[in-house]
Amino acid sequence: MIRSLIAGALALLYVVLWVWWGGDGTPLSREEGEAFVAELHRIHGDMGANPEFYPNLAAWIARDDGAEFVMVNLETFKDDGNAAAEADRRYARGIVPLLFAHGSAPIFIGYPSGLLFGEKARNVDRVALVRYRSLRDFLKVVTHPAMEELTVFKWASLSRTEIFPVRTFWALNAFRALTGALFLALILIALFLRRS
């Protein structure tokens, strides 16, 4: 009886996590896209320093397929010491719960350890990869009411950032976690069979 309850609870947890991480994959409609853009204008204005934002977003919405993607963030911090660092911490404390609420999460954060060639990476202080469940979820995050305050913290910490979405073609970044989960599953199965 207890084994059945545990197995049922684990199966239910797996389904919940599967749905949370995967979403329904439905592309944005034109009306949804227009509503999100209007809300972005209200919260963020005309994005004066980045006039290409709205045309690029409109093109992205038009070709949305509802699939997950990873947002690449190449960030350069402001050179004002503790103030920028504190603003960055406050932004992170607010944005991470919003990401999780929409089936999204930071999957990599790193700092350059050198430069081999190329000029665009010369002033990059941090690289952050954020996995979004869908374009809809990204837009729900950036139009959330909390973003009005969080955006202030973001730009108090950064002097510039390059942001672009990418689609996974192939990745092995979860190799250790996957093999660990496989071995754990095999151990649990062996223990279960041994007790049967």
C-alpha atoms as a PDB file:
ATOM      1  CA  MET A   1       0.000   0.000   0.000  1.00  0.00           C
ATOM      2  CA  ILE A   2       2.720   2.471   1.014  1.00  0.00           C
ATOM      3  CA  ARG A   3       4.751   1.614  -2.090  1.00  0.00           C
ATOM      4  CA  SER A   4       1.718   2.294  -4.282  1.00  0.00           C
ATOM      5  CA  LEU A   5       1.148   5.665  -2.600  1.00  0.00           C
ATOM      6  CA  ILE A   6       4.804   6.628  -3.030  1.00  0.00           C
ATOM      7  CA  ALA A   7       4.779   5.513  -6.665  1.00  0.00           C
ATOM      8  CA  GLY A   8       1.558   7.457  -7.290  1.00  0.00           C
ATOM      9  CA  ALA A   9       2.921  10.582  -5.600  1.00  0.00           C
ATOM     10  CA  LEU A  10       6.141  10.395  -7.640  1.00  0.00           C
ATOM     11  CA  ALA A  11       4.169   9.884 -10.857  1.00  0.00           C
ATOM     12  CA  LEU A  12       1.962  12.886 -10.053  1.00  0.00           C
ATOM     13  CA  LEU A  13       5.012  15.018  -9.243  1.00  0.00           C
ATOM     14  CA  TYR A  14       6.584  14.005 -12.543  1.00  0.00           C
ATOM     15  CA  VAL A  15       3.443  14.998 -14.481  1.00  0.00           C
ATOM     16  CA  VAL A  16       3.265  18.355 -12.673  1.00  0.00           C
ATOM     17  CA  LEU A  17       6.934  19.073 -13.427  1.00  0.00           C
ATOM     18  CA  TRP A  18       6.483  17.933 -17.032  1.00  0.00           C
ATOM     19  CA  VAL A  19       3.564  20.336 -17.567  1.00  0.00           C
ATOM     20  CA  TRP A  20       5.275  23.185 -15.676  1.00  0.00           C
ATOM     21  CA  TRP A  21       8.484  22.877 -17.695  1.00  0.00           C
ATOM     22  CA  GLY A  22       6.850  22.129 -21.042  1.00  0.00           C
ATOM     23  CA  GLY A  23       3.729  24.300 -21.225  1.00  0.00           C
ATOM     24  CA  ASP A  24       1.247  23.737 -24.032  1.00  0.00           C
ATOM     25  CA  GLY A  25       3.348  24.958 -26.975  1.00  0.00           C
ATOM     26  CA  THR A  26       0.611  27.134 -28.472  1.00  0.00           C
ATOM     27  CA  PRO A  27       1.955  30.023 -30.610  1.00  0.00           C
ATOM     28  CA  LEU A  28       0.939  33.593 -29.828  1.00  0.00           C
ATOM     29  CA  SER A  29      -2.030  34.954 -31.746  1.00  0.00           C
ATOM     30  CA  ARG A  30      -1.740  38.345 -33.435  1.00  0.00           C
ATOM     31  CA  GLU A  31      -4.134  39.829 -30.862  1.00  0.00           C
ATOM     32  CA  GLU A  32      -2.094  38.473 -27.941  1.00  0.00           C
ATOM     33  CA  GLY A  33       1.078  39.857 -29.455  1.00  0.00           C
ATOM     34  CA  GLU A  34      -0.449  43.303 -29.921  1.00  0.00           C
ATOM     35  CA  ALA A  35      -1.700  43.309 -26.317  1.00  0.00           C
ATOM     36  CA  PHE A  36       1.743  42.375 -24.993  1.00  0.00           C
ATOM     37  CA  VAL A  37       3.426  45.066 -27.109  1.00  0.00           C
ATOM     38  CA  ALA A  38       0.961  47.699 -25.854  1.00  0.00           C
ATOM     39  CA  GLU A  39       1.719  46.692 -22.256  1.00  0.00           C
ATOM     40  CA  LEU A  40       5.461  46.796 -22.947  1.00  0.00           C
ATOM     41  CA  HIS A  41       5.065  50.353 -24.276  1.00  0.00           C
ATOM     42  CA  ARG A  42       3.206  51.287 -21.104  1.00  0.00           C
ATOM     43  CA  ILE A  43       5.828  49.806 -18.768  1.00  0.00           C
ATOM     44  CA  HIS A  44       9.058  50.451 -20.666  1.00  0.00           C
ATOM     45  CA  GLY A  45       8.225  53.388 -22.942  1.00  0.00           C
ATOM     46  CA  ASP A  46       9.864  53.649 -26.343  1.00  0.00           C
ATOM     47  CA  MET A  47      13.120  51.893 -25.283  1.00  0.00           C
ATOM     48  CA  GLY A  48      14.999  55.029 -26.341  1.00  0.00           C
ATOM     49  CA  ALA A  49      18.475  53.498 -26.102  1.00  0.00           C
ATOM     50  CA  ASN A  50      17.322  50.435 -28.049  1.00  0.00           C
ATOM     51  CA  PRO A  51      14.987  51.626 -30.833  1.00  0.00           C
ATOM     52  CA  GLU A  52      15.316  48.284 -32.649  1.00  0.00           C
ATOM     53  CA  PHE A  53      13.580  46.426 -29.792  1.00  0.00           C
ATOM     54  CA  TYR A  54       9.957  46.826 -30.938  1.00  0.00           C
ATOM     55  CA  PRO A  55      10.508  46.056 -34.658  1.00  0.00           C
ATOM     56  CA  ASN A  56      12.586  42.995 -33.712  1.00  0.00           C
ATOM     57  CA  LEU A  57       9.931  41.851 -31.238  1.00  0.00           C
ATOM     58  CA  ALA A  58       7.127  42.311 -33.791  1.00  0.00           C
ATOM     59  CA  ALA A  59       9.011  40.147 -36.292  1.00  0.00           C
ATOM     60  CA  TRP A  60       9.612  37.500 -33.618  1.00  0.00           C
ATOM     61  CA  ILE A  61       5.936  37.458 -32.576  1.00  0.00           C
ATOM     62  CA  ALA A  62       4.871  37.045 -36.218  1.00  0.00           C
ATOM     63  CA  ARG A  63       6.940  33.858 -36.569  1.00  0.00           C
ATOM     64  CA  ASP A  64       6.339  32.459 -33.057  1.00  0.00           C
ATOM     65  CA  ASP A  65       5.846  28.696 -32.940  1.00  0.00           C
ATOM     66  CA  GLY A  66       5.208  28.339 -29.197  1.00  0.00           C
ATOM     67  CA  ALA A  67       8.468  26.478 -28.593  1.00  0.00           C
ATOM     68  CA  GLU A  68      11.003  26.951 -25.817  1.00  0.00           C
ATOM     69  CA  PHE A  69      14.171  28.988 -26.351  1.00  0.00           C
ATOM     70  CA  VAL A  70      17.219  30.253 -24.495  1.00  0.00           C
ATOM     71  CA  MET A  71      17.834  33.978 -24.117  1.00  0.00           C
ATOM     72  CA  VAL A  72      21.504  34.907 -24.306  1.00  0.00           C
ATOM     73  CA  ASN A  73      22.448  37.938 -22.197  1.00  0.00           C
ATOM     74  CA  LEU A  74      25.887  39.529 -22.674  1.00  0.00           C
ATOM     75  CA  GLU A  75      26.112  42.055 -19.859  1.00  0.00           C
ATOM     76  CA  THR A  76      28.414  44.938 -18.986  1.00  0.00           C
ATOM     77  CA  PHE A  77      28.147  46.315 -15.463  1.00  0.00           C
ATOM     78  CA  LYS A  78      28.223  49.971 -14.518  1.00  0.00           C
ATOM     79  CA  ASP A  79      31.500  50.999 -12.957  1.00  0.00           C
ATOM     80  CA  ASP A  80      30.099  52.295  -9.681  1.00  0.00           C
ATOM     81  CA  GLY A  81      31.053  49.529  -7.303  1.00  0.00           C
ATOM     82  CA  ASN A  82      28.626  48.443  -4.628  1.00  0.00           C
ATOM     83  CA  ALA A  83      25.644  50.395  -5.990  1.00  0.00           C
ATOM     84  CA  ALA A  84      25.592  48.391  -9.242  1.00  0.00           C
ATOM     85  CA  ALA A  85      26.159  45.108  -7.396  1.00  0.00           C
ATOM     86  CA  GLU A  86      23.314  45.807  -4.966  1.00  0.00           C
ATOM     87  CA  ALA A  87      20.975  46.790  -7.820  1.00  0.00           C
ATOM     88  CA  ASP A  88      21.872  43.535  -9.585  1.00  0.00           C
ATOM     89  CA  ARG A  89      21.100  41.512  -6.440  1.00  0.00           C
ATOM     90  CA  ARG A  90      17.736  43.226  -6.046  1.00  0.00           C
ATOM     91  CA  TYR A  91      16.909  42.554  -9.688  1.00  0.00           C
ATOM     92  CA  ALA A  92      17.838  38.870  -9.315  1.00  0.00           C
ATOM     93  CA  ARG A  93      15.730  38.491  -6.154  1.00  0.00           C
ATOM     94  CA  GLY A  94      12.703  39.751  -8.081  1.00  0.00           C
ATOM     95  CA  ILE A  95      13.193  38.205 -11.513  1.00  0.00           C
ATOM     96  CA  VAL A  96      14.028  34.620 -10.529  1.00  0.00           C
ATOM     97  CA  PRO A  97      10.638  33.911  -8.853  1.00  0.00           C
ATOM     98  CA  LEU A  98       8.894  35.398 -11.910  1.00  0.00           C
ATOM     99  CA  LEU A  99      10.855  33.085 -14.186  1.00  0.00           C
ATOM    100  CA  PHE A 100      10.010  30.000 -12.120  1.00  0.00           C
ATOM    101  CA  ALA A 101       6.334  30.990 -12.063  1.00  0.00           C
ATOM    102  CA  HIS A 102       6.352  30.776 -15.872  1.00  0.00           C
ATOM    103  CA  GLY A 103       8.265  27.521 -16.353  1.00  0.00           C
ATOM    104  CA  SER A 104      11.514  29.346 -17.034  1.00  0.00           C
ATOM    105  CA  ALA A 105      14.883  29.515 -15.292  1.00  0.00           C
ATOM    106  CA  PRO A 106      18.485  30.706 -15.515  1.00  0.00           C
ATOM    107  CA  ILE A 107      20.416  27.678 -16.796  1.00  0.00           C
ATOM    108  CA  PHE A 108      23.918  29.190 -16.940  1.00  0.00           C
ATOM    109  CA  ILE A 109      25.634  32.228 -15.466  1.00  0.00           C
ATOM    110  CA  GLY A 110      29.347  32.764 -16.019  1.00  0.00           C
ATOM    111  CA  TYR A 111      32.076  35.364 -16.161  1.00  0.00           C
ATOM    112  CA  PRO A 112      34.642  35.735 -18.970  1.00  0.00           C
ATOM    113  CA  SER A 113      38.028  34.277 -18.096  1.00  0.00           C
ATOM    114  CA  GLY A 114      39.879  35.741 -21.065  1.00  0.00           C
ATOM    115  CA  LEU A 115      39.560  36.821 -24.702  1.00  0.00           C
ATOM    116  CA  LEU A 116      40.944  35.066 -27.756  1.00  0.00           C
ATOM    117  CA  PHE A 117      39.681  37.308 -30.565  1.00  0.00           C
ATOM    118  CA  GLY A 118      36.802  39.592 -31.458  1.00  0.00           C
ATOM    119  CA  GLU A 119      35.906  43.052 -30.222  1.00  0.00           C
ATOM    120  CA  LYS A 120      32.272  42.687 -29.162  1.00  0.00           C
ATOM    121  CA  ALA A 121      33.158  40.440 -26.224  1.00  0.00           C
ATOM    122  CA  ARG A 122      35.888  42.738 -24.911  1.00  0.00           C
ATOM    123  CA  ASN A 123      33.649  44.562 -22.436  1.00  0.00           C
ATOM    124  CA  VAL A 124      31.347  41.685 -21.467  1.00  0.00           C
ATOM    125  CA  ASP A 125      31.377  41.181 -17.683  1.00  0.00           C
ATOM    126  CA  ARG A 126      28.837  38.364 -17.431  1.00  0.00           C
ATOM    127  CA  VAL A 127      27.087  35.869 -19.672  1.00  0.00           C
ATOM    128  CA  ALA A 128      23.662  34.620 -18.594  1.00  0.00           C
ATOM    129  CA  LEU A 129      21.554  32.027 -20.385  1.00  0.00           C
ATOM    130  CA  VAL A 130      17.879  31.972 -19.426  1.00  0.00           C
ATOM    131  CA  ARG A 131      15.613  29.190 -20.646  1.00  0.00           C
ATOM    132  CA  TYR A 132      12.063  30.356 -21.407  1.00  0.00           C
ATOM    133  CA  ARG A 133       9.196  27.929 -21.871  1.00  0.00           C
ATOM    134  CA  SER A 134       7.856  30.037 -24.747  1.00  0.00           C
ATOM    135  CA  LEU A 135       7.734  33.548 -26.174  1.00  0.00           C
ATOM    136  CA  ARG A 136       4.374  33.935 -24.411  1.00  0.00           C
ATOM    137  CA  ASP A 137       6.037  33.175 -21.066  1.00  0.00           C
ATOM    138  CA  PHE A 138       8.861  35.617 -21.803  1.00  0.00           C
ATOM    139  CA  LEU A 139       6.305  38.335 -22.530  1.00  0.00           C
ATOM    140  CA  LYS A 140       4.328  37.481 -19.394  1.00  0.00           C
ATOM    141  CA  VAL A 141       7.507  37.936 -17.366  1.00  0.00           C
ATOM    142  CA  VAL A 142       8.564  41.250 -18.926  1.00  0.00           C
ATOM    143  CA  THR A 143       5.032  42.704 -18.700  1.00  0.00           C
ATOM    144  CA  HIS A 144       4.445  41.593 -15.113  1.00  0.00           C
ATOM    145  CA  PRO A 145       3.589  44.562 -12.816  1.00  0.00           C
ATOM    146  CA  ALA A 146       6.722  43.881 -10.756  1.00  0.00           C
ATOM    147  CA  MET A 147       8.873  44.669 -13.810  1.00  0.00           C
ATOM    148  CA  GLU A 148       8.210  48.391 -13.458  1.00  0.00           C
ATOM    149  CA  GLU A 149      10.395  48.383 -10.346  1.00  0.00           C
ATOM    150  CA  LEU A 150      12.715  45.562 -11.406  1.00  0.00           C
ATOM    151  CA  THR A 151      13.644  47.307 -14.650  1.00  0.00           C
ATOM    152  CA  VAL A 152      14.941  50.243 -12.604  1.00  0.00           C
ATOM    153  CA  PHE A 153      17.283  47.869 -10.752  1.00  0.00           C
ATOM    154  CA  LYS A 154      18.360  46.191 -13.982  1.00  0.00           C
ATOM    155  CA  TRP A 155      19.478  49.423 -15.611  1.00  0.00           C
ATOM    156  CA  ALA A 156      21.002  50.681 -12.368  1.00  0.00           C
ATOM    157  CA  SER A 157      23.378  47.721 -12.562  1.00  0.00           C
ATOM    158  CA  LEU A 158      24.124  47.536 -16.306  1.00  0.00           C
ATOM    159  CA  SER A 159      25.727  50.027 -18.644  1.00  0.00           C
ATOM    160  CA  ARG A 160      24.822  47.903 -21.674  1.00  0.00           C
ATOM    161  CA  THR A 161      23.596  44.461 -22.632  1.00  0.00           C
ATOM    162  CA  GLU A 162      23.243  42.422 -25.798  1.00  0.00           C
ATOM    163  CA  ILE A 163      20.192  40.142 -25.712  1.00  0.00           C
ATOM    164  CA  PHE A 164      19.113  37.593 -28.299  1.00  0.00           C
ATOM    165  CA  PRO A 165      17.112  34.340 -28.330  1.00  0.00           C
ATOM    166  CA  VAL A 166      18.547  31.049 -29.570  1.00  0.00           C
ATOM    167  CA  ARG A 167      16.993  27.664 -30.261  1.00  0.00           C
ATOM    168  CA  THR A 168      18.720  24.510 -29.081  1.00  0.00           C
ATOM    169  CA  PHE A 169      20.052  22.391 -31.922  1.00  0.00           C
ATOM    170  CA  TRP A 170      22.076  20.071 -29.684  1.00  0.00           C
ATOM    171  CA  ALA A 171      23.223  20.315 -26.060  1.00  0.00           C
ATOM    172  CA  LEU A 172      24.934  18.105 -23.510  1.00  0.00           C
ATOM    173  CA  ASN A 173      24.736  20.539 -20.605  1.00  0.00           C
ATOM    174  CA  ALA A 174      22.643  18.205 -18.434  1.00  0.00           C
ATOM    175  CA  PHE A 175      24.798  15.100 -18.937  1.00  0.00           C
ATOM    176  CA  ARG A 176      25.814  14.669 -15.295  1.00  0.00           C
ATOM    177  CA  ALA A 177      22.300  15.337 -14.004  1.00  0.00           C
ATOM    178  CA  LEU A 178      20.778  12.895 -16.494  1.00  0.00           C
ATOM    179  CA  THR A 179      23.277  10.132 -15.754  1.00  0.00           C
ATOM    180  CA  GLY A 180      22.856  10.738 -12.013  1.00  0.00           C
ATOM    181  CA  ALA A 181      19.074  10.481 -12.352  1.00  0.00           C
ATOM    182  CA  LEU A 182      19.431   7.298 -14.414  1.00  0.00           C
ATOM    183  CA  PHE A 183      21.702   5.650 -11.849  1.00  0.00           C
ATOM    184  CA  LEU A 184      19.406   6.728  -9.003  1.00  0.00           C
ATOM    185  CA  ALA A 185      16.420   5.251 -10.841  1.00  0.00           C
ATOM    186  CA  LEU A 186      18.289   1.982 -11.383  1.00  0.00           C
ATOM    187  CA  ILE A 187      19.237   1.807  -7.694  1.00  0.00           C
ATOM    188  CA  LEU A 188      15.643   2.455  -6.624  1.00  0.00           C
ATOM    189  CA  ILE A 189      14.348  -0.204  -9.014  1.00  0.00           C
ATOM    190  CA  ALA A 190      16.904  -2.698  -7.704  1.00  0.00           C
ATOM    191  CA  LEU A 191      15.921  -1.959  -4.094  1.00  0.00           C
ATOM    192  CA  PHE A 192      12.241  -2.253  -4.952  1.00  0.00           C
ATOM    193  CA  LEU A 193      12.751  -5.608  -6.684  1.00  0.00           C
ATOM    194  CA  ARG A 194      14.904  -6.884  -3.845  1.00  0.00           C
ATOM    195  CA  ARG A 195      12.163  -6.189  -1.295  1.00  0.00           C
ATOM    196  CA  SER A 196       9.423  -7.707  -3.446  1.00  0.00           C
END
